[in-house]
Amino acid sequence: MAGQTLYDKLWMQHKVFAERDGRTLLYIDRHLLHEVTSPQAFSGLRNAGRKVWRRDANIATADHNVPTTDRSAGISDPTSRLQVETLDRNCADFGIEEFGMMDPRQGIVHVIAPEQGLTLPGMTVVCGDSHTATHGALGALAFGIGTTEVEHVLATQCLWARKSKSMRVWIDGELFPGVGAKDLVLAIIGRIGTAGGTGYAIEFSGPVVQNLSIEGRMTLCNMAIEAGARSGMVAVDDQTVEYLRDRPFAPDSVYWGRAVSAWRTLHSDDDAVFDRDVHLSGNQISPQVTWGTSPEMVTAIEGCVPDPKTAPDAVRRQAWENAQRYMDLTPGMPIMDIAVDRVFIGSCTNARIEDLREAARIARNGRKADSVRSVLVVPGSGLVKAQAEKEGLDEIFRQAGFEWREPGCSMCLAMNADRLEPGERCAATSNRNFEGRQGTGGRTHLVSPAMAAAAAIAGHFVDVRNWK
């Protein structure tokens, strides 16, 4: 028999029962909750007279609707306020631990779970949010679920699922200075397309991935969903173990050694066979910028907006034409000629401390964001915010004219007070650039934290590799 992939191992370790048609009942180790997809699930429990099956496996935080400015006055928008208050009430009624809006640990659900050690290697992790794939960076099987499934996990701690095919994305070589994990994942999506991973679980591997920090790996796995995959993952190694050491919810000293021994088995066997292999060279990847209304509409910073006449088929030609019309761009326009109105540095993709350090590296030394209307820097959690302030990053941002905010999803999506106005163009470190994603009529370009900070200073896209 051929060896097992990491995905095979995680799947088999959590299989409770399998139907003849392939449907499998999986045990869920960790269930993450937030205010958007949980209200109906809790209502379903109440209506059926059910309790939460395993309360300590569930944890909640408010992130999508929370304000990122002064919170002392509460939430002004009535809809957002209702959603957050409903989460508070549901967690209290059902006995689920919540990092509330005023808790210093509060933040984006996909940031706080790894930093707290709530996500551990070998776990199955689910959340009513598509970017749950983020947690696969720690050698976990993590994927997003729908509202009905949220209720099912709360009630049973299990979930029906079908096994995906396996894809290995192997990146050899190395990434040059100025090129990071965000550029890497955008290049992968540009290569295979937003449907390239449909039906697959992706394992990211190779020398480049091994040399990425855990936070960089989270960025990779976070956007596996943008490549169409159900989940993304990276094998456990020494970096994984050290990242988790002494985290609040990680195993204590009594169980640590046993846990690490088990975690070190979480990698694909040398003779494992994948259903699809994709290879890229890190040496050939430049800073990336999306130009259209899909993450696959992306090119290198030194590139140009493509001509729809060169599209590989009629469907994509029409999509390119529609995207360029919405984005108000013309074929052949150099990416570095595109001016931006606003900049957003944050989201579950790029709001960790390493992301903020990269942005601050560009913003320091007296540089000013004088050519844009606003620059929002939104840390991914209260702990990230505290660490950044301890390092003086907040002062670097303020001196450059950036706005230093409270943690939350913020301008990643138009679900709170932080949003684009019609026609505004934004350089964003988030994960989606669909029409209206950051506000009705808003135009979004996805970039890395360094590229976003550089665009804020220059007023247009520039190649950070040429900045001293």
Protein backbone atom coordinates (compact mmCIF):
# COMPACT_ATOMS: atom_id res chain seq x y z
CA MET A 1 0.00 0.00 0.00
CA ALA A 2 1.10 3.55 -0.72
CA GLY A 3 1.77 5.82 2.23
CA GLN A 4 -0.76 8.26 3.57
CA THR A 5 -1.00 11.99 2.96
CA LEU A 6 -1.39 14.31 5.92
CA TYR A 7 -5.01 14.75 4.89
CA ASP A 8 -5.53 10.95 4.87
CA LYS A 9 -4.17 10.70 8.41
CA LEU A 10 -6.30 13.51 9.79
CA TRP A 11 -9.42 12.15 8.10
CA MET A 12 -8.94 8.58 9.34
CA GLN A 13 -8.17 9.71 12.89
CA HIS A 14 -11.54 11.48 13.12
CA LYS A 15 -13.78 9.07 11.24
CA VAL A 16 -16.63 7.90 13.46
CA PHE A 17 -18.70 6.12 10.84
CA ALA A 18 -18.81 5.91 7.05
CA GLU A 19 -21.85 5.27 4.83
CA ARG A 20 -21.54 3.15 1.70
CA ASP A 21 -22.03 6.24 -0.45
CA GLY A 22 -18.92 7.86 1.05
CA ARG A 23 -20.62 10.16 3.53
CA THR A 24 -18.53 10.14 6.70
CA LEU A 25 -19.34 11.21 10.21
CA LEU A 26 -16.32 13.10 11.56
CA TYR A 27 -15.61 13.98 15.15
CA ILE A 28 -14.90 17.70 15.61
CA ASP A 29 -12.25 18.69 18.13
CA ARG A 30 -12.67 22.48 18.07
CA HIS A 31 -15.65 24.59 17.09
CA LEU A 32 -15.14 28.34 16.71
CA LEU A 33 -18.13 30.69 16.83
CA HIS A 34 -18.76 34.33 15.96
CA GLU A 35 -21.78 36.60 15.80
CA VAL A 36 -22.74 36.23 12.12
CA THR A 37 -23.44 32.53 11.56
CA SER A 38 -24.32 31.37 15.08
CA PRO A 39 -27.69 33.02 15.99
CA GLN A 40 -29.85 30.66 13.91
CA ALA A 41 -27.90 27.66 15.21
CA PHE A 42 -28.54 28.58 18.83
CA SER A 43 -32.20 29.23 18.02
CA GLY A 44 -32.39 25.73 16.58
CA LEU A 45 -31.03 24.27 19.82
CA ARG A 46 -33.58 26.20 21.86
CA ASN A 47 -36.49 25.17 19.65
CA ALA A 48 -35.47 21.51 19.89
CA GLY A 49 -34.75 21.66 23.62
CA ARG A 50 -31.15 20.57 23.08
CA LYS A 51 -28.00 21.47 24.98
CA VAL A 52 -24.46 21.93 23.69
CA TRP A 53 -22.92 18.46 23.65
CA ARG A 54 -19.37 19.45 24.69
CA ARG A 55 -19.13 23.04 25.88
CA ASP A 56 -15.34 23.15 26.36
CA ALA A 57 -14.77 22.27 22.68
CA ASN A 58 -16.54 25.47 21.63
CA ILE A 59 -15.29 29.03 21.97
CA ALA A 60 -16.65 32.31 20.64
CA THR A 61 -15.67 35.88 19.86
CA ALA A 62 -17.29 38.85 18.14
CA ASP A 63 -15.30 40.09 15.15
CA HIS A 64 -17.30 40.93 12.02
CA ASN A 65 -19.52 43.66 13.48
CA VAL A 66 -17.40 45.20 16.21
CA PRO A 67 -16.27 48.84 15.86
CA THR A 68 -12.55 49.47 15.44
CA THR A 69 -12.73 52.97 16.94
CA ASP A 70 -13.54 53.90 20.56
CA ARG A 71 -15.72 51.15 22.03
CA SER A 72 -16.68 52.89 25.25
CA ALA A 73 -19.97 54.03 23.71
CA GLY A 74 -20.81 50.56 22.42
CA ILE A 75 -21.95 49.76 18.88
CA SER A 76 -23.95 52.50 17.19
CA ASP A 77 -25.36 50.48 14.26
CA PRO A 78 -28.49 48.70 15.57
CA THR A 79 -28.07 45.60 13.39
CA SER A 80 -24.43 45.12 14.35
CA ARG A 81 -25.25 45.76 18.01
CA LEU A 82 -28.03 43.17 17.94
CA GLN A 83 -25.77 40.51 16.44
CA VAL A 84 -23.04 41.03 19.04
CA GLU A 85 -25.50 41.18 21.95
CA THR A 86 -27.16 38.01 20.67
CA LEU A 87 -23.82 36.19 20.69
CA ASP A 88 -23.20 37.40 24.25
CA ARG A 89 -26.59 36.14 25.38
CA ASN A 90 -26.30 32.79 23.59
CA CYS A 91 -22.86 32.07 25.02
CA ALA A 92 -24.09 32.92 28.53
CA ASP A 93 -27.23 30.79 28.17
CA PHE A 94 -25.41 27.74 26.78
CA GLY A 95 -22.25 27.99 28.91
CA ILE A 96 -19.76 28.65 26.10
CA GLU A 97 -16.63 30.67 26.79
CA GLU A 98 -16.56 33.93 24.85
CA PHE A 99 -13.89 36.55 24.31
CA GLY A 100 -16.29 39.50 24.42
CA MET A 101 -15.82 42.85 22.75
CA MET A 102 -14.09 44.35 25.79
CA ASP A 103 -11.95 41.29 26.53
CA PRO A 104 -8.24 41.98 25.84
CA ARG A 105 -8.08 38.60 24.04
CA GLN A 106 -10.89 39.51 21.62
CA GLY A 107 -10.12 39.61 17.93
CA ILE A 108 -10.66 37.93 14.59
CA VAL A 109 -11.61 34.32 15.24
CA HIS A 110 -8.89 32.98 12.93
CA VAL A 111 -6.24 35.03 14.70
CA ILE A 112 -7.17 34.39 18.32
CA ALA A 113 -7.54 30.60 18.10
CA PRO A 114 -3.94 29.89 17.03
CA GLU A 115 -2.44 32.52 19.34
CA GLN A 116 -4.33 31.05 22.31
CA GLY A 117 -3.36 27.47 21.46
CA LEU A 118 -7.01 26.65 20.83
CA THR A 119 -5.93 25.26 17.45
CA LEU A 120 -3.55 22.33 17.85
CA PRO A 121 -1.94 19.87 15.41
CA GLY A 122 -4.09 16.87 14.61
CA MET A 123 -7.36 18.61 15.40
CA THR A 124 -10.43 18.94 13.26
CA VAL A 125 -11.43 22.61 13.43
CA VAL A 126 -14.64 24.10 12.05
CA CYS A 127 -16.28 27.51 12.08
CA GLY A 128 -19.18 29.13 10.29
CA ASP A 129 -16.69 31.06 8.17
CA SER A 130 -14.97 30.04 4.95
CA HIS A 131 -11.50 31.17 6.04
CA THR A 132 -11.34 28.49 8.73
CA ALA A 133 -8.77 26.90 6.40
CA THR A 134 -6.28 29.23 8.15
CA HIS A 135 -5.88 26.77 11.04
CA GLY A 136 -4.46 24.10 8.75
CA ALA A 137 -1.13 25.90 9.05
CA LEU A 138 -0.71 24.08 12.37
CA GLY A 139 -1.21 20.60 10.93
CA ALA A 140 -4.96 20.57 11.53
CA LEU A 141 -7.88 19.67 9.27
CA ALA A 142 -9.85 22.91 9.24
CA PHE A 143 -12.76 24.03 7.08
CA GLY A 144 -15.74 26.34 7.05
CA ILE A 145 -19.30 25.18 7.60
CA GLY A 146 -22.81 26.53 7.14
CA THR A 147 -25.33 27.63 9.76
CA THR A 148 -27.18 24.29 9.82
CA GLU A 149 -23.87 22.52 10.34
CA VAL A 150 -22.98 24.94 13.16
CA GLU A 151 -26.11 23.74 14.97
CA HIS A 152 -25.24 20.11 14.25
CA VAL A 153 -21.74 20.48 15.73
CA LEU A 154 -23.09 22.28 18.80
CA ALA A 155 -25.58 19.48 19.39
CA THR A 156 -23.43 16.44 18.58
CA GLN A 157 -19.75 17.50 18.25
CA CYS A 158 -19.80 15.58 14.96
CA LEU A 159 -20.37 16.49 11.34
CA TRP A 160 -21.25 14.68 8.13
CA ALA A 161 -18.74 15.27 5.35
CA ARG A 162 -17.34 13.78 2.17
CA LYS A 163 -13.64 13.25 1.71
CA SER A 164 -11.92 15.58 -0.76
CA LYS A 165 -9.22 14.65 -3.22
CA SER A 166 -5.67 15.62 -2.27
CA MET A 167 -3.47 18.23 -3.93
CA ARG A 168 0.14 19.02 -3.12
CA VAL A 169 1.42 22.50 -3.94
CA TRP A 170 5.20 22.28 -3.83
CA ILE A 171 7.23 25.51 -3.87
CA ASP A 172 10.97 25.13 -4.28
CA GLY A 173 13.76 27.70 -4.34
CA GLU A 174 13.39 30.74 -2.11
CA LEU A 175 11.45 33.98 -1.83
CA PHE A 176 13.52 37.09 -2.35
CA PRO A 177 13.37 40.08 0.05
CA GLY A 178 10.16 42.04 -0.45
CA VAL A 179 8.21 38.90 -1.44
CA GLY A 180 6.11 37.22 1.25
CA ALA A 181 3.45 34.63 1.91
CA LYS A 182 0.66 36.83 0.53
CA ASP A 183 2.50 37.21 -2.77
CA LEU A 184 3.07 33.47 -2.82
CA VAL A 185 -0.57 32.51 -2.34
CA LEU A 186 -1.76 35.10 -4.88
CA ALA A 187 0.73 33.66 -7.37
CA ILE A 188 -0.61 30.16 -6.69
CA ILE A 189 -4.19 31.32 -7.25
CA GLY A 190 -3.10 33.12 -10.41
CA ARG A 191 -1.57 29.86 -11.59
CA ILE A 192 -4.39 27.38 -10.84
CA GLY A 193 -7.38 29.76 -10.76
CA THR A 194 -10.16 30.17 -8.22
CA ALA A 195 -11.63 26.82 -9.30
CA GLY A 196 -8.30 25.00 -9.47
CA GLY A 197 -8.64 23.60 -5.96
CA THR A 198 -12.34 22.73 -6.15
CA GLY A 199 -12.87 19.29 -4.67
CA TYR A 200 -9.39 19.19 -3.13
CA ALA A 201 -7.67 19.58 0.20
CA ILE A 202 -4.38 21.35 -0.46
CA GLU A 203 -1.14 20.58 1.34
CA PHE A 204 1.46 23.33 0.93
CA SER A 205 5.00 22.00 1.04
CA GLY A 206 8.54 22.38 -0.27
CA PRO A 207 11.55 24.46 0.82
CA VAL A 208 9.77 27.81 0.59
CA VAL A 209 6.92 26.66 2.84
CA GLN A 210 9.36 25.08 5.32
CA ASN A 211 11.14 28.43 5.59
CA LEU A 212 7.95 30.41 6.17
CA SER A 213 7.01 31.38 9.71
CA ILE A 214 3.85 29.87 11.18
CA GLU A 215 2.10 33.19 10.60
CA GLY A 216 3.17 33.11 6.95
CA ARG A 217 1.79 29.59 6.66
CA MET A 218 -1.50 30.85 8.08
CA THR A 219 -1.68 33.38 5.25
CA LEU A 220 -1.16 30.55 2.74
CA CYS A 221 -3.81 28.30 4.25
CA ASN A 222 -6.21 31.21 4.79
CA MET A 223 -6.51 31.77 1.04
CA ALA A 224 -6.70 28.11 0.06
CA ILE A 225 -10.43 28.79 -0.05
CA GLU A 226 -9.80 31.47 -2.70
CA ALA A 227 -8.23 28.73 -4.82
CA GLY A 228 -11.47 26.77 -4.51
CA ALA A 229 -10.20 24.24 -1.95
CA ARG A 230 -12.13 23.13 1.12
CA SER A 231 -9.04 23.26 3.29
CA GLY A 232 -5.31 23.97 3.27
CA MET A 233 -2.65 22.51 5.52
CA VAL A 234 1.05 22.37 6.31
CA ALA A 235 2.89 19.48 7.98
CA VAL A 236 4.06 19.79 11.56
CA ASP A 237 7.74 20.61 12.13
CA ASP A 238 9.94 22.21 14.79
CA GLN A 239 8.47 25.65 14.03
CA THR A 240 4.97 24.36 14.73
CA VAL A 241 6.01 22.93 18.08
CA GLU A 242 7.84 26.08 19.19
CA TYR A 243 4.97 28.32 18.12
CA LEU A 244 2.58 26.44 20.40
CA ARG A 245 4.85 26.16 23.42
CA ASP A 246 3.31 27.88 26.50
CA ARG A 247 0.16 29.01 24.68
CA PRO A 248 -2.73 29.34 27.20
CA PHE A 249 -4.81 26.44 25.84
CA ALA A 250 -1.91 24.24 24.71
CA PRO A 251 -1.06 21.07 26.66
CA ASP A 252 0.72 21.81 29.95
CA SER A 253 4.07 20.37 31.01
CA VAL A 254 2.48 17.09 32.16
CA TYR A 255 1.14 16.28 28.69
CA TRP A 256 3.43 18.38 26.49
CA GLY A 257 5.93 15.63 25.65
CA ARG A 258 3.24 13.13 24.71
CA ALA A 259 1.45 15.73 22.59
CA VAL A 260 4.62 16.66 20.69
CA SER A 261 5.40 13.00 19.99
CA ALA A 262 1.96 12.60 18.43
CA TRP A 263 2.20 15.86 16.49
CA ARG A 264 5.47 14.85 14.85
CA THR A 265 3.68 12.05 12.98
CA LEU A 266 1.51 14.64 11.21
CA HIS A 267 3.16 14.80 7.81
CA SER A 268 2.66 13.05 4.49
CA ASP A 269 4.58 9.82 4.10
CA ASP A 270 7.41 9.84 1.59
CA ASP A 271 5.56 7.43 -0.68
CA ALA A 272 2.16 9.12 -0.36
CA VAL A 273 0.35 9.64 -3.64
CA PHE A 274 -1.55 12.87 -4.29
CA ASP A 275 -4.39 13.22 -6.77
CA ARG A 276 -2.76 16.34 -8.18
CA ASP A 277 0.66 17.95 -7.89
CA VAL A 278 1.41 21.62 -8.61
CA HIS A 279 4.97 22.97 -8.64
CA LEU A 280 6.13 26.59 -8.42
CA SER A 281 9.52 28.21 -8.04
CA GLY A 282 9.82 30.81 -5.31
CA ASN A 283 12.65 32.45 -7.23
CA GLN A 284 10.23 33.46 -9.98
CA ILE A 285 7.62 35.16 -7.75
CA SER A 286 7.40 38.96 -7.59
CA PRO A 287 5.17 41.11 -5.38
CA GLN A 288 1.62 40.52 -6.58
CA VAL A 289 -1.32 42.90 -7.16
CA THR A 290 -4.84 41.90 -8.17
CA TRP A 291 -6.30 44.06 -10.94
CA GLY A 292 -9.82 42.60 -11.24
CA THR A 293 -12.77 41.33 -9.23
CA SER A 294 -11.49 37.84 -8.47
CA PRO A 295 -8.29 36.77 -6.68
CA GLU A 296 -7.20 34.92 -9.83
CA MET A 297 -7.12 38.24 -11.71
CA VAL A 298 -3.62 38.98 -10.47
CA THR A 299 -0.24 39.92 -11.90
CA ALA A 300 3.24 40.88 -10.79
CA ILE A 301 3.89 44.48 -9.77
CA GLU A 302 5.99 44.99 -12.88
CA GLY A 303 3.09 43.79 -15.04
CA CYS A 304 0.15 45.48 -16.77
CA VAL A 305 -3.62 45.13 -16.84
CA PRO A 306 -4.12 42.34 -19.41
CA ASP A 307 -5.92 42.70 -22.71
CA PRO A 308 -9.13 40.62 -22.72
CA LYS A 309 -8.30 39.62 -26.28
CA THR A 310 -5.50 37.48 -24.84
CA ALA A 311 -7.83 35.60 -22.46
CA PRO A 312 -7.63 31.80 -22.90
CA ASP A 313 -11.36 31.40 -23.61
CA ALA A 314 -14.55 33.36 -24.24
CA VAL A 315 -15.83 33.00 -20.69
CA ARG A 316 -12.72 34.55 -19.18
CA ARG A 317 -12.59 37.19 -21.87
CA GLN A 318 -16.04 38.37 -20.83
CA ALA A 319 -15.07 38.19 -17.16
CA TRP A 320 -11.95 40.30 -17.79
CA GLU A 321 -13.96 42.89 -19.71
CA ASN A 322 -16.55 43.11 -16.92
CA ALA A 323 -13.88 43.35 -14.25
CA GLN A 324 -11.96 46.10 -16.03
CA ARG A 325 -15.17 48.05 -16.52
CA TYR A 326 -16.01 47.79 -12.81
CA MET A 327 -12.44 48.57 -11.73
CA ASP A 328 -12.18 51.46 -14.24
CA LEU A 329 -8.95 50.15 -15.73
CA THR A 330 -7.80 49.87 -19.32
CA PRO A 331 -5.85 47.06 -20.99
CA GLY A 332 -2.11 47.65 -21.01
CA MET A 333 -2.13 50.04 -18.05
CA PRO A 334 0.98 49.46 -15.91
CA ILE A 335 0.11 48.28 -12.41
CA MET A 336 2.46 50.89 -10.97
CA ASP A 337 0.36 53.64 -12.59
CA ILE A 338 -2.74 52.70 -10.59
CA ALA A 339 -3.43 55.31 -7.88
CA VAL A 340 -5.28 54.36 -4.70
CA ASP A 341 -7.63 56.38 -2.50
CA ARG A 342 -7.53 54.30 0.67
CA VAL A 343 -5.43 51.54 2.23
CA PHE A 344 -6.50 48.75 4.57
CA ILE A 345 -3.97 46.69 6.54
CA GLY A 346 -5.73 43.95 8.48
CA SER A 347 -8.07 40.91 8.14
CA CYS A 348 -7.69 37.24 9.05
CA THR A 349 -5.17 37.01 6.20
CA ASN A 350 -2.72 39.72 7.28
CA ALA A 351 -3.35 41.19 10.75
CA ARG A 352 -0.82 39.30 12.84
CA ILE A 353 2.23 40.83 14.46
CA GLU A 354 4.58 39.85 11.62
CA ASP A 355 2.26 41.54 9.12
CA LEU A 356 2.24 44.75 11.16
CA ARG A 357 6.02 44.66 11.49
CA GLU A 358 6.33 44.42 7.69
CA ALA A 359 4.01 47.37 7.18
CA ALA A 360 5.84 49.42 9.82
CA ARG A 361 9.17 48.65 8.16
CA ILE A 362 7.92 50.46 5.07
CA ALA A 363 6.22 53.31 6.97
CA ARG A 364 9.13 54.27 9.24
CA ASN A 365 11.81 56.94 8.76
CA GLY A 366 9.51 59.93 8.41
CA ARG A 367 7.49 58.68 5.45
CA LYS A 368 3.99 60.16 5.18
CA ALA A 369 0.74 58.96 3.64
CA ASP A 370 -0.11 62.36 2.17
CA SER A 371 -1.56 61.17 -1.14
CA VAL A 372 -4.40 58.96 0.11
CA ARG A 373 -7.62 59.71 1.99
CA SER A 374 -7.06 57.23 4.81
CA VAL A 375 -4.98 54.27 5.91
CA LEU A 376 -6.50 51.88 8.45
CA VAL A 377 -4.25 49.56 10.41
CA VAL A 378 -6.39 47.04 12.27
CA PRO A 379 -4.64 44.41 14.42
CA GLY A 380 -6.07 40.92 14.41
CA SER A 381 -6.51 40.69 18.17
CA GLY A 382 -6.13 42.58 21.41
CA LEU A 383 -2.90 40.69 22.08
CA VAL A 384 -1.50 41.59 18.67
CA LYS A 385 -2.42 45.21 19.37
CA ALA A 386 -0.67 45.13 22.75
CA GLN A 387 2.46 43.55 21.27
CA ALA A 388 2.58 46.11 18.46
CA GLU A 389 2.28 48.96 20.95
CA LYS A 390 5.00 47.42 23.10
CA GLU A 391 7.28 47.48 20.04
CA GLY A 392 6.29 51.04 19.14
CA LEU A 393 4.68 50.08 15.84
CA ASP A 394 1.59 52.14 16.61
CA GLU A 395 3.72 55.29 16.86
CA ILE A 396 5.38 54.54 13.53
CA PHE A 397 1.96 54.23 11.93
CA ARG A 398 0.62 57.41 13.54
CA GLN A 399 3.66 59.42 12.51
CA ALA A 400 3.15 58.23 8.94
CA GLY A 401 -0.48 59.38 9.02
CA PHE A 402 -1.99 55.90 9.39
CA GLU A 403 -4.97 55.29 11.71
CA TRP A 404 -4.31 52.80 14.51
CA ARG A 405 -7.50 50.89 15.32
CA GLU A 406 -9.06 48.33 17.66
CA PRO A 407 -9.11 44.65 16.58
CA GLY A 408 -11.78 43.24 14.28
CA CYS A 409 -12.60 42.27 10.72
CA SER A 410 -12.97 45.94 9.82
CA MET A 411 -12.80 46.86 6.13
CA CYS A 412 -12.29 43.31 4.92
CA LEU A 413 -16.04 43.25 4.30
CA ALA A 414 -18.77 45.88 4.38
CA MET A 415 -20.37 44.63 7.60
CA ASN A 416 -19.36 47.41 9.97
CA ALA A 417 -18.57 51.11 9.94
CA ASP A 418 -15.29 50.67 8.03
CA ARG A 419 -16.15 50.58 4.34
CA LEU A 420 -15.40 52.10 0.97
CA GLU A 421 -17.57 54.68 -0.73
CA PRO A 422 -18.67 54.12 -4.36
CA GLY A 423 -15.74 54.56 -6.74
CA GLU A 424 -13.05 54.51 -4.05
CA ARG A 425 -10.02 52.37 -4.82
CA CYS A 426 -8.32 50.47 -1.99
CA ALA A 427 -5.06 48.60 -1.57
CA ALA A 428 -6.09 45.88 0.90
CA THR A 429 -4.30 43.06 2.68
CA SER A 430 -7.55 41.10 2.91
CA ASN A 431 -8.55 38.04 0.89
CA ARG A 432 -11.41 38.95 -1.43
CA ASN A 433 -11.82 41.59 -4.12
CA PHE A 434 -15.33 40.84 -5.34
CA GLU A 435 -17.59 43.67 -6.48
CA GLY A 436 -18.85 45.52 -3.40
CA ARG A 437 -16.85 43.37 -0.98
CA GLN A 438 -15.51 46.42 0.90
CA GLY A 439 -18.53 48.63 0.19
CA THR A 440 -20.96 49.21 -2.63
CA GLY A 441 -19.05 50.37 -5.71
CA GLY A 442 -15.69 50.01 -3.94
CA ARG A 443 -12.69 48.78 -5.91
CA THR A 444 -10.30 46.43 -4.13
CA HIS A 445 -6.73 45.43 -5.01
CA LEU A 446 -5.27 42.60 -2.90
CA VAL A 447 -1.63 43.00 -1.85
CA SER A 448 0.80 42.11 0.93
CA PRO A 449 1.22 44.28 4.06
CA ALA A 450 4.48 45.73 2.74
CA MET A 451 2.93 46.54 -0.64
CA ALA A 452 -0.11 48.13 1.04
CA ALA A 453 2.06 50.36 3.23
CA ALA A 454 4.16 51.37 0.23
CA ALA A 455 1.03 52.26 -1.75
CA ALA A 456 -0.13 54.37 1.18
CA ILE A 457 3.11 56.37 1.12
CA ALA A 458 3.43 56.67 -2.65
CA GLY A 459 -0.26 57.08 -3.45
CA HIS A 460 0.03 54.35 -6.09
CA PHE A 461 1.42 50.84 -6.37
CA VAL A 462 5.20 50.53 -6.20
CA ASP A 463 7.68 47.67 -6.09
CA VAL A 464 8.77 47.30 -2.45
CA ARG A 465 11.88 45.46 -3.61
CA ASN A 466 13.24 48.80 -4.82
CA TRP A 467 12.56 50.64 -1.55
CA LYS A 468 15.43 51.04 0.86
